[in-house]
Amino acid sequence: MFELLNLKVNEEKRKEVAKYAKERGIRIPTLAQMKDPSKIPADVKEKLKTVGLWDVNPLNLYRVSWKNEPKAEGGLYQDLPNYVEIPSVVSGVKSKILFMSGKYFPTGCHKVGASFACLVPRLVTGQFDPKTQEAVWPSTGNYCRGGAFNAALLGCKSIAILPESMSRERFDWLEELIKTYGGEIFATSGSESNVKEIYDKTWELIDERGDGVVIFNQFAELGNHLWHYEVTGEAMNDLFLSYKAKNDKANFFGVNLNSGSGGSLGAGDKIKDLHPNAKITVSEALQCPTLLDNGFGDHRIEGIGDKHIPWVHNVKNSNLVTAIDDEDAVSFFRILNDPLGHDYFRSLGVDEDTIDKFKYIGISGAANIISCIKTAKYFETTENDIFVTVGTDSAEMYQSRLEEYNAERGALDAKQVEIDHNVHVLGLKTDNMLELRYTDKKRIHNLKYYTWVEQQGKTAEELNAQWYDYDNYWTKLHTMGPEFDRVINEFNALIDEM
């Protein structure tokens, strides 16, 4: 039997870490509180009224939630996640596309949740000592930002690893945080496609520093999958139910998500448990079509590391692959975030509130919406069918990219906006897609061997368990939320006793 989440307690170390947490005024929220903020203690909510969303304050651990109010300062919670419904005049399809935004998480990105779920099990069990060990965050950008933020709350030094070609905003933010709270940044060669180079750097650090570093690898840590299963999946379902209350014929058709670290696909597993007919569509860049045809390459859809299959991706539960041309994603992103694009959408009848929320959509978010559109066209879905997708971050992280595009291509004019919308959105076709048969899924799953068994120290036995022992692997993992919360509650109780 394989250990899915290591929740074994080192009693002596846990007491030391709890003492340290008490000195820093830290308490750890549970998954149950992240899903349902009404369970957060009243005194925490009162204190949050004076805390900024991005403040490095331990109270902001209680803002690791999709349901934060859209406020930079002092916001509390709301019933539904922040989202934008993509109008049919924008998407060109009848179905509703609901886009949940990571903009109002601390750091402006939902990866702060994934990093929380990788860090916390080892923290609250005494397996990680923030006083003496450094936390290493291998990433294509946003995850190491979330990890560095969570580590800073603990007074722990971080080592951020990300490709050198990621957006300037990511590096600027990290440099400021690490300058203040300690740590290092390593920019590895290449782009978001160059994940192996990131892994190579983690092994180099282990060889150099031994037990002084702990690697929190989002691509391999099953806590990432579980956090999205519990928290993101529940938020998606709450959003769907709000539409179902208005239209009893509403049908949760599917979840469309970039492959990335594979963690957010755990939300699709939750949706399929709640709505068995729903489909999970996995997206990637056409310029690096790993799932579609074992391919490789470079692309411009920032933040979705590829050229491999993440260990935490439950491939057997996926239904469809869409390979998104990065020119479609970039062009769509530009017109959604340009004043002339806003004027054009107004002329189509899009309301001001929706246009204002286009700022929720970054480059990978635009790719997710395109995936929804292609899937809707492929299955010829109707106005009663609903797709839910997410934006890891928002346009805020890509303003320098907009400047670069304008410098390279020239500023958009009204005619080019209309052309880009018609070519790169309304003109999307059902090419570069694959509806997955059993054998297709197994082919994709088998690609894990070359990264994880040959290179990263996993075993073929566990790889086979993911496929052949599904209930004792994925189904069991999906039941571990209460146990995850139990060790958090024990840790908080230990703090209270001191």
Protein backbone atom coordinates (compact mmCIF):
# COMPACT_ATOMS: atom_id res chain seq x y z
CA MET A 1 0.00 0.00 0.00
CA PHE A 2 1.34 3.42 -0.95
CA GLU A 3 1.49 6.44 1.31
CA LEU A 4 -0.58 9.08 -0.45
CA LEU A 5 -0.15 11.88 2.09
CA ASN A 6 2.44 11.49 4.81
CA LEU A 7 0.56 12.59 7.95
CA LYS A 8 2.76 10.75 10.45
CA VAL A 9 3.47 12.94 13.46
CA ASN A 10 6.90 13.59 14.95
CA GLU A 11 5.64 14.54 18.41
CA GLU A 12 8.78 16.26 19.64
CA LYS A 13 9.27 18.28 16.48
CA ARG A 14 5.57 19.13 16.26
CA LYS A 15 5.71 20.70 19.72
CA GLU A 16 8.72 22.79 18.69
CA VAL A 17 6.98 23.96 15.53
CA ALA A 18 3.75 24.70 17.43
CA LYS A 19 5.71 26.81 19.92
CA TYR A 20 7.30 28.69 17.06
CA ALA A 21 3.89 29.19 15.41
CA LYS A 22 2.44 30.55 18.64
CA GLU A 23 5.30 33.06 18.92
CA ARG A 24 4.49 34.29 15.41
CA GLY A 25 0.74 34.42 15.98
CA ILE A 26 0.03 31.67 13.45
CA ARG A 27 -2.98 29.40 13.28
CA ILE A 28 -3.66 27.14 10.32
CA PRO A 29 -7.04 27.11 8.54
CA THR A 30 -8.67 23.84 7.52
CA LEU A 31 -9.90 22.75 4.12
CA ALA A 32 -13.43 22.89 5.55
CA GLN A 33 -12.95 26.58 6.36
CA MET A 34 -11.52 27.30 2.91
CA LYS A 35 -14.58 25.70 1.32
CA ASP A 36 -17.04 27.37 3.67
CA PRO A 37 -15.74 30.61 5.20
CA SER A 38 -18.75 30.75 7.55
CA LYS A 39 -16.76 28.24 9.63
CA ILE A 40 -13.89 30.70 10.15
CA PRO A 41 -13.84 32.05 13.74
CA ALA A 42 -15.48 35.44 14.26
CA ASP A 43 -12.37 36.92 15.89
CA VAL A 44 -10.32 36.08 12.79
CA LYS A 45 -12.86 37.79 10.55
CA GLU A 46 -12.83 40.87 12.73
CA LYS A 47 -9.04 41.13 12.52
CA LEU A 48 -9.08 40.62 8.76
CA LYS A 49 -11.04 43.86 8.35
CA THR A 50 -7.76 45.76 8.83
CA VAL A 51 -5.51 43.45 6.78
CA GLY A 52 -4.67 43.99 3.11
CA LEU A 53 -5.13 41.09 0.72
CA TRP A 54 -1.42 40.89 -0.13
CA ASP A 55 -0.08 41.76 3.32
CA VAL A 56 2.46 39.28 4.66
CA ASN A 57 0.32 38.62 7.71
CA PRO A 58 -0.47 35.13 9.09
CA LEU A 59 -4.15 36.04 9.14
CA ASN A 60 -4.08 35.93 5.35
CA LEU A 61 -3.85 32.15 5.53
CA TYR A 62 -7.60 32.46 6.14
CA ARG A 63 -7.92 34.14 2.75
CA VAL A 64 -6.76 31.04 0.89
CA SER A 65 -10.26 30.73 -0.53
CA TRP A 66 -12.15 31.23 -3.78
CA LYS A 67 -14.79 33.16 -1.86
CA ASN A 68 -12.88 36.27 -0.85
CA GLU A 69 -14.61 39.58 -1.44
CA PRO A 70 -13.03 41.39 -4.41
CA LYS A 71 -11.29 43.98 -2.26
CA ALA A 72 -7.63 44.85 -1.90
CA GLU A 73 -8.06 45.90 1.73
CA GLY A 74 -10.17 44.53 4.55
CA GLY A 75 -12.43 42.28 2.52
CA LEU A 76 -14.14 39.27 4.04
CA TYR A 77 -16.15 36.60 2.21
CA GLN A 78 -19.06 36.04 -0.14
CA ASP A 79 -21.24 33.06 -1.07
CA LEU A 80 -19.77 32.46 -4.53
CA PRO A 81 -16.31 32.70 -6.06
CA ASN A 82 -15.32 35.73 -8.10
CA TYR A 83 -16.17 34.89 -11.69
CA VAL A 84 -17.19 36.23 -15.05
CA GLU A 85 -19.72 34.67 -17.40
CA ILE A 86 -18.37 34.82 -20.94
CA PRO A 87 -21.21 36.14 -23.13
CA SER A 88 -22.18 34.16 -26.22
CA VAL A 89 -21.39 37.17 -28.44
CA VAL A 90 -17.82 36.87 -27.17
CA SER A 91 -17.48 33.07 -27.20
CA GLY A 92 -19.55 32.30 -30.29
CA VAL A 93 -21.24 29.32 -28.56
CA LYS A 94 -24.63 29.00 -26.90
CA SER A 95 -23.40 27.34 -23.71
CA LYS A 96 -22.52 29.28 -20.58
CA ILE A 97 -18.81 29.49 -19.82
CA LEU A 98 -18.18 30.43 -16.18
CA PHE A 99 -14.65 31.61 -15.52
CA MET A 100 -13.55 31.55 -11.84
CA SER A 101 -10.80 34.04 -11.09
CA GLY A 102 -7.73 33.61 -8.89
CA LYS A 103 -7.21 37.39 -8.78
CA TYR A 104 -8.48 37.82 -5.21
CA PHE A 105 -6.36 35.21 -3.52
CA PRO A 106 -3.34 36.54 -1.61
CA THR A 107 -0.61 37.10 -4.26
CA GLY A 108 -3.37 37.39 -6.88
CA CYS A 109 -3.16 33.72 -7.78
CA HIS A 110 -4.82 30.48 -6.62
CA LYS A 111 -1.41 28.76 -6.48
CA VAL A 112 -1.17 30.06 -2.92
CA GLY A 113 -3.68 27.29 -2.15
CA ALA A 114 -1.72 24.57 -3.91
CA SER A 115 1.47 25.59 -2.11
CA PHE A 116 -0.42 25.66 1.21
CA ALA A 117 -1.55 22.08 0.65
CA CYS A 118 1.99 20.92 -0.14
CA LEU A 119 3.55 22.70 2.85
CA VAL A 120 1.01 22.29 5.64
CA PRO A 121 0.94 18.48 6.05
CA ARG A 122 4.67 18.47 6.80
CA LEU A 123 4.48 21.60 8.91
CA VAL A 124 1.69 20.53 11.27
CA THR A 125 3.10 17.00 11.71
CA GLY A 126 6.58 18.25 12.63
CA GLN A 127 8.20 16.90 9.45
CA PHE A 128 9.28 20.42 8.36
CA ASP A 129 11.00 22.90 10.65
CA PRO A 130 10.62 26.49 9.41
CA LYS A 131 13.36 27.67 11.79
CA THR A 132 16.13 25.49 10.37
CA GLN A 133 15.05 24.37 6.91
CA GLU A 134 14.47 26.24 3.67
CA ALA A 135 11.40 25.59 1.53
CA VAL A 136 12.11 24.98 -2.16
CA TRP A 137 9.37 25.82 -4.67
CA PRO A 138 9.95 24.42 -8.20
CA SER A 139 7.60 26.26 -10.51
CA THR A 140 6.85 27.92 -13.83
CA GLY A 141 6.10 31.12 -11.93
CA ASN A 142 2.95 31.42 -9.88
CA TYR A 143 3.45 28.44 -7.60
CA CYS A 144 6.79 29.67 -6.30
CA ARG A 145 5.17 33.07 -5.64
CA GLY A 146 2.45 31.39 -3.58
CA GLY A 147 4.97 29.19 -1.79
CA ALA A 148 7.28 32.09 -0.99
CA PHE A 149 4.31 34.03 0.38
CA ASN A 150 3.21 31.17 2.64
CA ALA A 151 6.78 30.62 3.80
CA ALA A 152 7.18 34.33 4.59
CA LEU A 153 4.13 34.10 6.86
CA LEU A 154 6.05 31.44 8.78
CA GLY A 155 9.24 33.44 8.87
CA CYS A 156 10.82 30.75 6.71
CA LYS A 157 13.33 31.31 3.95
CA SER A 158 12.28 30.25 0.46
CA ILE A 159 14.14 29.13 -2.62
CA ALA A 160 12.13 29.97 -5.73
CA ILE A 161 12.94 28.16 -8.97
CA LEU A 162 11.35 29.30 -12.24
CA PRO A 163 12.29 29.63 -15.93
CA GLU A 164 14.20 32.75 -16.90
CA SER A 165 11.75 33.76 -19.63
CA MET A 166 8.71 34.17 -17.36
CA SER A 167 7.05 37.59 -17.11
CA ARG A 168 8.92 40.43 -15.42
CA GLU A 169 6.06 40.89 -12.93
CA ARG A 170 6.74 37.48 -11.41
CA PHE A 171 10.42 38.20 -10.86
CA ASP A 172 9.82 41.73 -9.53
CA TRP A 173 7.36 40.47 -6.93
CA LEU A 174 9.60 37.58 -5.84
CA GLU A 175 12.68 39.77 -5.61
CA GLU A 176 10.90 42.21 -3.31
CA LEU A 177 9.54 39.47 -1.04
CA ILE A 178 12.80 37.56 -0.78
CA LYS A 179 14.80 40.75 -0.24
CA THR A 180 12.59 41.41 2.79
CA TYR A 181 12.13 37.90 4.21
CA GLY A 182 15.19 36.02 3.00
CA GLY A 183 15.85 33.30 0.48
CA GLU A 184 17.04 32.89 -3.09
CA ILE A 185 15.74 32.91 -6.66
CA PHE A 186 17.10 30.61 -9.34
CA ALA A 187 16.14 31.38 -12.94
CA THR A 188 16.59 28.20 -14.96
CA SER A 189 17.11 28.12 -18.72
CA GLY A 190 14.18 28.19 -21.10
CA SER A 191 10.46 28.87 -20.89
CA GLU A 192 7.39 27.34 -19.25
CA SER A 193 8.08 24.22 -21.33
CA ASN A 194 11.44 23.62 -19.65
CA VAL A 195 10.29 21.82 -16.50
CA LYS A 196 13.10 19.26 -16.43
CA GLU A 197 15.61 22.07 -15.92
CA ILE A 198 13.64 23.09 -12.82
CA TYR A 199 13.76 19.53 -11.47
CA ASP A 200 17.48 19.32 -12.18
CA LYS A 201 18.00 22.38 -10.00
CA THR A 202 16.11 20.80 -7.09
CA TRP A 203 18.39 17.74 -7.21
CA GLU A 204 21.41 20.02 -7.29
CA LEU A 205 20.17 21.78 -4.15
CA ILE A 206 19.57 18.46 -2.39
CA ASP A 207 23.10 17.35 -3.23
CA GLU A 208 24.55 20.65 -1.96
CA ARG A 209 22.44 21.25 1.14
CA GLY A 210 20.99 17.91 2.19
CA ASP A 211 18.37 18.11 4.95
CA GLY A 212 18.68 21.88 5.03
CA VAL A 213 16.21 22.09 2.15
CA VAL A 214 12.78 20.55 1.68
CA ILE A 215 11.35 20.27 -1.83
CA PHE A 216 7.65 21.06 -2.19
CA ASN A 217 7.07 19.91 -5.75
CA GLN A 218 3.56 20.81 -6.92
CA PHE A 219 3.83 18.41 -9.87
CA ALA A 220 4.34 15.46 -7.50
CA GLU A 221 2.73 16.39 -4.15
CA LEU A 222 -0.73 14.83 -3.90
CA GLY A 223 -1.74 17.56 -1.46
CA ASN A 224 -1.98 19.82 -4.52
CA HIS A 225 -4.55 17.48 -6.09
CA LEU A 226 -6.47 17.11 -2.82
CA TRP A 227 -6.68 20.88 -2.23
CA HIS A 228 -8.24 21.42 -5.64
CA TYR A 229 -10.53 18.41 -5.20
CA GLU A 230 -11.83 19.76 -1.91
CA VAL A 231 -11.68 23.54 -2.36
CA THR A 232 -11.75 24.37 -6.07
CA GLY A 233 -14.18 21.57 -6.89
CA GLU A 234 -16.62 22.70 -4.20
CA ALA A 235 -16.40 26.31 -5.43
CA MET A 236 -17.16 25.15 -8.97
CA ASN A 237 -20.17 23.20 -7.78
CA ASP A 238 -21.48 26.12 -5.70
CA LEU A 239 -21.27 28.30 -8.80
CA PHE A 240 -23.08 25.73 -10.91
CA LEU A 241 -25.83 25.31 -8.30
CA SER A 242 -26.43 29.06 -8.34
CA TYR A 243 -27.26 28.73 -12.05
CA LYS A 244 -29.24 25.53 -11.50
CA ALA A 245 -31.45 27.46 -9.06
CA LYS A 246 -32.38 29.83 -11.89
CA ASN A 247 -32.72 27.19 -14.60
CA ASP A 248 -33.70 23.68 -13.57
CA LYS A 249 -32.56 22.40 -16.97
CA ALA A 250 -28.98 23.55 -16.34
CA ASN A 251 -26.51 20.73 -16.95
CA PHE A 252 -22.93 20.69 -15.69
CA PHE A 253 -21.39 19.66 -18.97
CA GLY A 254 -17.74 19.91 -18.11
CA VAL A 255 -14.60 21.32 -16.57
CA ASN A 256 -11.83 22.60 -18.85
CA LEU A 257 -8.38 23.09 -17.33
CA ASN A 258 -4.81 23.49 -18.52
CA SER A 259 -2.57 20.58 -17.66
CA GLY A 260 -0.02 22.75 -15.83
CA SER A 261 0.98 21.11 -12.57
CA GLY A 262 -2.04 18.80 -12.90
CA GLY A 263 -3.37 19.88 -9.50
CA SER A 264 -6.41 21.84 -10.63
CA LEU A 265 -7.60 18.75 -12.51
CA GLY A 266 -8.41 17.38 -9.06
CA ALA A 267 -11.37 19.79 -9.12
CA GLY A 268 -12.62 17.92 -12.17
CA ASP A 269 -12.53 14.69 -10.16
CA LYS A 270 -14.79 16.30 -7.54
CA ILE A 271 -17.22 17.48 -10.21
CA LYS A 272 -17.38 14.01 -11.76
CA ASP A 273 -18.12 12.55 -8.33
CA LEU A 274 -21.00 15.02 -7.96
CA HIS A 275 -22.09 15.01 -11.62
CA PRO A 276 -21.05 11.68 -13.17
CA ASN A 277 -21.86 12.71 -16.74
CA ALA A 278 -19.62 15.79 -16.62
CA LYS A 279 -16.50 15.71 -18.76
CA ILE A 280 -12.94 16.71 -17.88
CA THR A 281 -11.10 18.39 -20.73
CA VAL A 282 -7.33 18.79 -20.35
CA SER A 283 -5.70 21.59 -22.32
CA GLU A 284 -2.15 22.20 -23.43
CA ALA A 285 -0.32 24.35 -25.97
CA LEU A 286 -0.44 23.16 -29.56
CA GLN A 287 3.20 24.21 -29.85
CA CYS A 288 4.05 21.63 -27.15
CA PRO A 289 1.46 18.86 -27.68
CA THR A 290 2.59 16.31 -25.09
CA LEU A 291 -0.80 14.78 -24.31
CA LEU A 292 -2.08 15.03 -27.88
CA ASP A 293 0.79 13.25 -29.62
CA ASN A 294 3.80 12.88 -27.29
CA GLY A 295 5.24 16.09 -28.69
CA PHE A 296 7.51 18.81 -27.35
CA GLY A 297 8.37 22.44 -28.06
CA ASP A 298 8.08 26.01 -26.75
CA HIS A 299 5.04 28.23 -26.49
CA ARG A 300 3.71 31.48 -25.04
CA ILE A 301 0.91 30.32 -22.71
CA GLU A 302 2.73 31.26 -19.53
CA GLY A 303 2.57 29.18 -16.38
CA ILE A 304 1.52 25.79 -17.79
CA GLY A 305 4.66 23.69 -17.44
CA ASP A 306 4.71 20.80 -19.86
CA LYS A 307 6.76 18.26 -21.88
CA HIS A 308 5.73 15.77 -19.22
CA ILE A 309 2.65 14.42 -17.45
CA PRO A 310 2.38 15.58 -13.82
CA TRP A 311 2.40 12.82 -11.22
CA VAL A 312 -0.74 14.31 -9.62
CA HIS A 313 -2.81 14.14 -12.83
CA ASN A 314 -5.43 11.41 -12.56
CA VAL A 315 -5.29 10.61 -16.27
CA LYS A 316 -7.81 7.78 -16.10
CA ASN A 317 -10.54 10.29 -15.25
CA SER A 318 -9.88 12.63 -18.19
CA ASN A 319 -12.17 12.64 -21.23
CA LEU A 320 -10.75 15.01 -23.82
CA VAL A 321 -7.54 16.79 -24.79
CA THR A 322 -7.54 20.16 -26.50
CA ALA A 323 -4.31 21.59 -27.88
CA ILE A 324 -4.58 25.39 -27.97
CA ASP A 325 -2.65 27.42 -30.53
CA ASP A 326 -0.79 29.99 -28.47
CA GLU A 327 -1.52 32.61 -31.14
CA ASP A 328 -5.23 32.15 -30.38
CA ALA A 329 -4.62 32.50 -26.63
CA VAL A 330 -2.38 35.56 -26.93
CA SER A 331 -4.65 37.33 -29.44
CA PHE A 332 -7.75 36.68 -27.32
CA PHE A 333 -5.94 37.87 -24.20
CA ARG A 334 -4.92 41.11 -25.95
CA ILE A 335 -8.41 42.10 -27.10
CA LEU A 336 -9.90 41.27 -23.70
CA ASN A 337 -7.43 43.65 -22.06
CA ASP A 338 -7.20 46.54 -24.51
CA PRO A 339 -9.38 49.72 -24.45
CA LEU A 340 -10.25 49.29 -28.13
CA GLY A 341 -11.20 45.71 -27.42
CA HIS A 342 -13.52 46.96 -24.69
CA ASP A 343 -15.10 49.43 -27.13
CA TYR A 344 -15.62 46.62 -29.63
CA PHE A 345 -17.31 44.36 -27.07
CA ARG A 346 -19.54 47.26 -25.99
CA SER A 347 -20.65 47.55 -29.60
CA LEU A 348 -21.69 43.88 -29.42
CA GLY A 349 -23.84 44.61 -26.36
CA VAL A 350 -21.56 43.33 -23.61
CA ASP A 351 -22.37 45.09 -20.34
CA GLU A 352 -19.88 47.24 -18.40
CA ASP A 353 -19.62 44.92 -15.40
CA THR A 354 -18.58 42.01 -17.63
CA ILE A 355 -16.08 44.15 -19.53
CA ASP A 356 -14.58 45.32 -16.25
CA LYS A 357 -14.13 41.68 -15.22
CA PHE A 358 -12.15 40.86 -18.37
CA LYS A 359 -9.16 41.97 -16.26
CA TYR A 360 -9.61 38.63 -14.46
CA ILE A 361 -8.33 36.84 -17.56
CA GLY A 362 -4.63 36.21 -18.10
CA ILE A 363 -3.00 34.30 -20.96
CA SER A 364 -3.57 30.79 -19.60
CA GLY A 365 -7.09 31.85 -18.62
CA ALA A 366 -7.77 32.85 -22.23
CA ALA A 367 -6.49 29.40 -23.26
CA ASN A 368 -8.93 27.75 -20.84
CA ILE A 369 -11.84 29.70 -22.30
CA ILE A 370 -10.76 28.71 -25.81
CA SER A 371 -10.75 25.09 -24.64
CA CYS A 372 -14.34 25.48 -23.45
CA ILE A 373 -15.33 26.95 -26.82
CA LYS A 374 -13.71 24.14 -28.79
CA THR A 375 -15.29 21.52 -26.54
CA ALA A 376 -18.73 23.15 -26.89
CA LYS A 377 -18.39 23.10 -30.67
CA TYR A 378 -17.14 19.52 -30.69
CA PHE A 379 -20.10 18.22 -28.66
CA GLU A 380 -22.63 20.69 -30.16
CA THR A 381 -23.76 21.77 -26.70
CA THR A 382 -26.84 23.86 -25.96
CA GLU A 383 -27.78 26.93 -23.93
CA ASN A 384 -28.54 24.68 -20.94
CA ASP A 385 -25.02 23.24 -20.84
CA ILE A 386 -22.53 24.86 -18.48
CA PHE A 387 -18.74 24.79 -18.56
CA VAL A 388 -16.64 25.94 -15.62
CA THR A 389 -12.99 26.87 -15.87
CA VAL A 390 -10.51 28.92 -13.86
CA GLY A 391 -7.94 31.65 -14.21
CA THR A 392 -4.82 30.84 -12.23
CA ASP A 393 -4.02 34.54 -11.97
CA SER A 394 -5.21 37.61 -13.92
CA ALA A 395 -4.14 40.17 -16.51
CA GLU A 396 -2.28 41.99 -13.73
CA MET A 397 0.61 39.54 -14.09
CA TYR A 398 1.01 40.20 -17.83
CA GLN A 399 1.02 43.96 -18.34
CA SER A 400 4.64 43.80 -19.49
CA ARG A 401 3.60 41.20 -22.07
CA LEU A 402 0.95 43.57 -23.45
CA GLU A 403 3.65 46.22 -23.84
CA GLU A 404 5.91 43.71 -25.60
CA TYR A 405 3.12 42.67 -27.99
CA ASN A 406 2.43 46.29 -28.85
CA ALA A 407 6.13 46.89 -29.50
CA GLU A 408 6.47 43.75 -31.63
CA ARG A 409 3.21 43.91 -33.58
CA GLY A 410 2.09 47.49 -33.28
CA ALA A 411 -0.78 48.73 -31.14
CA LEU A 412 -4.20 47.29 -31.86
CA ASP A 413 -6.63 49.33 -33.92
CA ALA A 414 -10.38 48.83 -34.15
CA LYS A 415 -10.15 46.78 -37.34
CA GLN A 416 -7.49 44.45 -35.92
CA VAL A 417 -9.58 43.85 -32.79
CA GLU A 418 -12.51 42.74 -34.94
CA ILE A 419 -10.27 40.55 -37.09
CA ASP A 420 -8.64 38.92 -34.05
CA HIS A 421 -12.00 38.17 -32.47
CA ASN A 422 -13.35 36.62 -35.66
CA VAL A 423 -10.21 34.62 -36.46
CA HIS A 424 -8.98 33.56 -33.02
CA VAL A 425 -12.27 33.13 -31.13
CA LEU A 426 -15.38 32.98 -33.31
CA GLY A 427 -13.45 31.10 -35.99
CA LEU A 428 -12.18 28.37 -33.67
CA LYS A 429 -12.59 24.85 -35.02
CA THR A 430 -12.53 21.38 -33.52
CA ASP A 431 -9.07 20.57 -34.82
CA ASN A 432 -6.22 19.44 -32.56
CA MET A 433 -8.57 17.67 -30.18
CA LEU A 434 -8.74 14.09 -29.01
CA GLU A 435 -11.66 12.38 -27.29
CA LEU A 436 -9.86 9.88 -25.09
CA ARG A 437 -10.43 6.16 -25.48
CA TYR A 438 -9.15 3.81 -22.82
CA THR A 439 -5.98 3.21 -24.83
CA ASP A 440 -5.41 6.95 -25.31
CA LYS A 441 -5.62 7.52 -21.57
CA LYS A 442 -3.21 4.69 -20.90
CA ARG A 443 -0.74 6.07 -23.45
CA ILE A 444 -0.76 9.44 -21.68
CA HIS A 445 -0.50 7.82 -18.25
CA ASN A 446 2.46 5.72 -19.39
CA LEU A 447 4.39 8.89 -20.28
CA LYS A 448 4.74 9.48 -16.54
CA TYR A 449 7.26 6.65 -16.43
CA TYR A 450 9.94 8.58 -18.30
CA THR A 451 9.81 11.61 -16.01
CA TRP A 452 8.89 10.18 -12.64
CA VAL A 453 10.38 6.68 -12.53
CA GLU A 454 13.45 7.15 -14.73
CA GLN A 455 14.33 10.66 -13.47
CA GLN A 456 12.55 11.63 -10.25
CA GLY A 457 12.70 8.60 -7.96
CA LYS A 458 9.12 7.30 -8.12
CA THR A 459 8.49 3.58 -8.48
CA ALA A 460 6.86 1.65 -11.28
CA GLU A 461 4.74 -0.09 -8.62
CA GLU A 462 3.14 3.18 -7.55
CA LEU A 463 2.71 4.26 -11.17
CA ASN A 464 0.82 1.04 -11.82
CA ALA A 465 -1.25 1.58 -8.68
CA GLN A 466 -2.47 4.89 -10.08
CA TRP A 467 -3.89 3.00 -13.02
CA TYR A 468 -4.74 -0.54 -11.84
CA ASP A 469 -5.59 0.08 -8.17
CA TYR A 470 -7.77 3.15 -8.71
CA ASP A 471 -9.92 2.85 -5.58
CA ASN A 472 -6.96 2.39 -3.25
CA TYR A 473 -5.19 5.31 -4.88
CA TRP A 474 -7.36 8.12 -6.25
CA THR A 475 -10.61 7.26 -4.50
CA LYS A 476 -8.78 6.90 -1.20
CA LEU A 477 -6.96 10.20 -1.74
CA HIS A 478 -10.32 11.90 -2.31
CA THR A 479 -11.48 10.77 1.14
CA MET A 480 -8.47 12.22 2.99
CA GLY A 481 -9.80 15.76 3.49
CA PRO A 482 -11.07 15.06 7.03
CA GLU A 483 -7.75 13.46 8.00
CA PHE A 484 -5.89 16.45 6.54
CA ASP A 485 -8.05 18.74 8.68
CA ARG A 486 -7.63 16.53 11.75
CA VAL A 487 -3.86 17.04 11.90
CA ILE A 488 -4.38 20.79 11.41
CA ASN A 489 -6.87 20.92 14.29
CA GLU A 490 -4.50 18.93 16.52
CA PHE A 491 -1.71 21.38 15.72
CA ASN A 492 -3.91 24.39 16.49
CA ALA A 493 -5.01 22.78 19.76
CA LEU A 494 -1.37 22.29 20.68
CA ILE A 495 -0.76 26.00 20.07
CA ASP A 496 -3.70 26.86 22.33
CA GLU A 497 -2.30 24.70 25.13
CA MET A 498 1.02 26.56 25.20
